[in-house]
């Protein structure tokens, strides 16, 4: 599935099952919540924290997909073409950082 197809899929789902998009501000708060849930799993899987019983049924891929879902909702609501935005962002990073990481002695 392309990013464009994902944006269309989310929009169709909202129209069929979701009634309407939550407000942009509500979705921003939900995005923050979802990123926190992702961070919790990352901290327990790759960091120093131990799992609690309530964490054991959490799925890293599902948490990432939750973040992606809400981000796509926000893009749809604000008229952002994520494919084009990502293309431009990669171009910006490449121009800005083409030598930065290669020359970083900490990464060698």
C-alpha atoms as a PDB file:
ATOM      1  CA  UNK A   1       0.000   0.000   0.000  1.00  0.00           C
ATOM      2  CA  UNK A   2       1.354   3.417  -0.918  1.00  0.00           C
ATOM      3  CA  UNK A   3       1.092   6.394   1.401  1.00  0.00           C
ATOM      4  CA  UNK A   4      -1.544   7.874  -0.920  1.00  0.00           C
ATOM      5  CA  UNK A   5      -3.536   4.630  -0.778  1.00  0.00           C
ATOM      6  CA  UNK A   6      -3.254   4.656   3.023  1.00  0.00           C
ATOM      7  CA  UNK A   7      -4.622   8.200   3.122  1.00  0.00           C
ATOM      8  CA  UNK A   8      -7.547   7.160   0.907  1.00  0.00           C
ATOM      9  CA  UNK A   9      -8.159   3.992   2.945  1.00  0.00           C
ATOM     10  CA  UNK A  10      -8.311   5.951   6.207  1.00  0.00           C
ATOM     11  CA  UNK A  11     -10.604   8.556   4.665  1.00  0.00           C
ATOM     12  CA  UNK A  12     -12.952   5.860   3.346  1.00  0.00           C
ATOM     13  CA  UNK A  13     -12.980   4.120   6.722  1.00  0.00           C
ATOM     14  CA  UNK A  14     -13.832   7.355   8.519  1.00  0.00           C
ATOM     15  CA  UNK A  15     -16.694   8.002   6.090  1.00  0.00           C
ATOM     16  CA  UNK A  16     -18.053   4.456   6.412  1.00  0.00           C
ATOM     17  CA  UNK A  17     -17.484   3.615  10.081  1.00  0.00           C
ATOM     18  CA  UNK A  18     -16.181   6.642  11.916  1.00  0.00           C
ATOM     19  CA  UNK A  19     -19.045   9.042  11.175  1.00  0.00           C
ATOM     20  CA  UNK A  20     -16.578  11.959  10.922  1.00  0.00           C
ATOM     21  CA  UNK A  21     -13.031  12.897  11.849  1.00  0.00           C
ATOM     22  CA  UNK A  22     -12.418  13.988  15.404  1.00  0.00           C
ATOM     23  CA  UNK A  23     -11.331  17.621  15.555  1.00  0.00           C
ATOM     24  CA  UNK A  24      -7.736  18.361  14.656  1.00  0.00           C
ATOM     25  CA  UNK A  25      -6.972  19.281  18.253  1.00  0.00           C
ATOM     26  CA  UNK A  26      -8.504  16.041  19.543  1.00  0.00           C
ATOM     27  CA  UNK A  27      -6.529  14.047  16.989  1.00  0.00           C
ATOM     28  CA  UNK A  28      -3.343  15.854  18.032  1.00  0.00           C
ATOM     29  CA  UNK A  29      -3.993  14.807  21.628  1.00  0.00           C
ATOM     30  CA  UNK A  30      -4.713  11.238  20.482  1.00  0.00           C
ATOM     31  CA  UNK A  31      -1.472  11.230  18.455  1.00  0.00           C
ATOM     32  CA  UNK A  32       0.436  12.267  21.567  1.00  0.00           C
ATOM     33  CA  UNK A  33      -1.243   9.472  23.526  1.00  0.00           C
ATOM     34  CA  UNK A  34      -0.399   6.905  20.847  1.00  0.00           C
ATOM     35  CA  UNK A  35       3.238   8.033  20.687  1.00  0.00           C
ATOM     36  CA  UNK A  36       3.367   7.618  24.472  1.00  0.00           C
ATOM     37  CA  UNK A  37       2.078   4.049  24.171  1.00  0.00           C
ATOM     38  CA  UNK A  38       4.729   3.340  21.534  1.00  0.00           C
ATOM     39  CA  UNK A  39       7.406   4.875  23.763  1.00  0.00           C
ATOM     40  CA  UNK A  40       6.298   2.692  26.665  1.00  0.00           C
ATOM     41  CA  UNK A  41       6.766  -0.493  24.636  1.00  0.00           C
ATOM     42  CA  UNK A  42      10.099   0.720  23.230  1.00  0.00           C
ATOM     43  CA  UNK A  43      11.372   1.572  26.740  1.00  0.00           C
ATOM     44  CA  UNK A  44      10.462  -1.875  27.999  1.00  0.00           C
ATOM     45  CA  UNK A  45      11.647  -3.807  24.946  1.00  0.00           C
ATOM     46  CA  UNK A  46      14.877  -1.939  24.171  1.00  0.00           C
ATOM     47  CA  UNK A  47      15.467   0.160  27.266  1.00  0.00           C
ATOM     48  CA  UNK A  48      16.066  -0.516  30.912  1.00  0.00           C
ATOM     49  CA  UNK A  49      12.498  -0.717  32.172  1.00  0.00           C
ATOM     50  CA  UNK A  50      10.930  -4.075  32.917  1.00  0.00           C
ATOM     51  CA  UNK A  51       7.519  -5.102  31.635  1.00  0.00           C
ATOM     52  CA  UNK A  52       4.444  -4.848  33.826  1.00  0.00           C
ATOM     53  CA  UNK A  53       1.665  -7.402  33.422  1.00  0.00           C
ATOM     54  CA  UNK A  54      -0.436  -4.777  31.628  1.00  0.00           C
ATOM     55  CA  UNK A  55       2.352  -4.318  29.038  1.00  0.00           C
ATOM     56  CA  UNK A  56       2.731  -7.949  28.065  1.00  0.00           C
ATOM     57  CA  UNK A  57      -0.140  -8.008  25.557  1.00  0.00           C
ATOM     58  CA  UNK A  58       1.064  -4.880  23.751  1.00  0.00           C
ATOM     59  CA  UNK A  59       2.290  -5.243  20.186  1.00  0.00           C
ATOM     60  CA  UNK A  60       5.023  -2.947  18.870  1.00  0.00           C
ATOM     61  CA  UNK A  61       3.825  -3.096  15.255  1.00  0.00           C
ATOM     62  CA  UNK A  62       0.251  -2.347  16.297  1.00  0.00           C
ATOM     63  CA  UNK A  63       1.380   0.649  18.351  1.00  0.00           C
ATOM     64  CA  UNK A  64       3.333   1.996  15.362  1.00  0.00           C
ATOM     65  CA  UNK A  65       0.277   1.510  13.161  1.00  0.00           C
ATOM     66  CA  UNK A  66      -1.849   3.443  15.689  1.00  0.00           C
ATOM     67  CA  UNK A  67       0.578   6.375  15.414  1.00  0.00           C
ATOM     68  CA  UNK A  68       0.471   6.160  11.626  1.00  0.00           C
ATOM     69  CA  UNK A  69      -3.347   6.034  11.609  1.00  0.00           C
ATOM     70  CA  UNK A  70      -3.760   9.242  13.604  1.00  0.00           C
ATOM     71  CA  UNK A  71      -1.016  11.014  11.661  1.00  0.00           C
ATOM     72  CA  UNK A  72      -2.822  10.098   8.433  1.00  0.00           C
ATOM     73  CA  UNK A  73      -6.084  11.416   9.906  1.00  0.00           C
ATOM     74  CA  UNK A  74      -4.392  14.741  10.663  1.00  0.00           C
ATOM     75  CA  UNK A  75      -2.889  14.894   7.172  1.00  0.00           C
ATOM     76  CA  UNK A  76      -6.274  14.230   5.595  1.00  0.00           C
ATOM     77  CA  UNK A  77      -7.957  16.846   7.742  1.00  0.00           C
ATOM     78  CA  UNK A  78      -5.407  19.516   6.946  1.00  0.00           C
ATOM     79  CA  UNK A  79      -5.076  18.758   3.233  1.00  0.00           C
ATOM     80  CA  UNK A  80      -1.524  17.403   3.419  1.00  0.00           C
ATOM     81  CA  UNK A  81      -0.378  14.990   0.719  1.00  0.00           C
ATOM     82  CA  UNK A  82       1.962  12.849   2.816  1.00  0.00           C
ATOM     83  CA  UNK A  83       3.670  11.376  -0.239  1.00  0.00           C
ATOM     84  CA  UNK A  84       4.710  14.822  -1.422  1.00  0.00           C
ATOM     85  CA  UNK A  85       5.514  16.010   2.101  1.00  0.00           C
ATOM     86  CA  UNK A  86       7.746  12.985   2.675  1.00  0.00           C
ATOM     87  CA  UNK A  87       9.471  13.437  -0.686  1.00  0.00           C
ATOM     88  CA  UNK A  88      10.243  17.067   0.131  1.00  0.00           C
ATOM     89  CA  UNK A  89      11.390  16.129   3.631  1.00  0.00           C
ATOM     90  CA  UNK A  90      13.808  13.508   2.259  1.00  0.00           C
ATOM     91  CA  UNK A  91      15.157  16.071  -0.195  1.00  0.00           C
ATOM     92  CA  UNK A  92      15.669  18.560   2.659  1.00  0.00           C
ATOM     93  CA  UNK A  93      17.452  15.977   4.807  1.00  0.00           C
ATOM     94  CA  UNK A  94      19.667  14.872   1.936  1.00  0.00           C
ATOM     95  CA  UNK A  95      20.700  18.437   1.110  1.00  0.00           C
ATOM     96  CA  UNK A  96      21.230  19.411   4.734  1.00  0.00           C
ATOM     97  CA  UNK A  97      22.840  16.215   6.043  1.00  0.00           C
ATOM     98  CA  UNK A  98      24.608  14.622   3.053  1.00  0.00           C
ATOM     99  CA  UNK A  99      28.023  14.896   4.756  1.00  0.00           C
ATOM    100  CA  UNK A 100      27.014  15.402   8.367  1.00  0.00           C
ATOM    101  CA  UNK A 101      26.620  11.770   9.438  1.00  0.00           C
ATOM    102  CA  UNK A 102      29.414  10.418   7.230  1.00  0.00           C
ATOM    103  CA  UNK A 103      31.815  12.829   8.912  1.00  0.00           C
ATOM    104  CA  UNK A 104      30.556  12.169  12.437  1.00  0.00           C
ATOM    105  CA  UNK A 105      33.326  10.358  14.298  1.00  0.00           C
ATOM    106  CA  UNK A 106      30.795   9.152  16.884  1.00  0.00           C
ATOM    107  CA  UNK A 107      29.179   6.970  14.203  1.00  0.00           C
ATOM    108  CA  UNK A 108      32.380   5.228  13.112  1.00  0.00           C
END
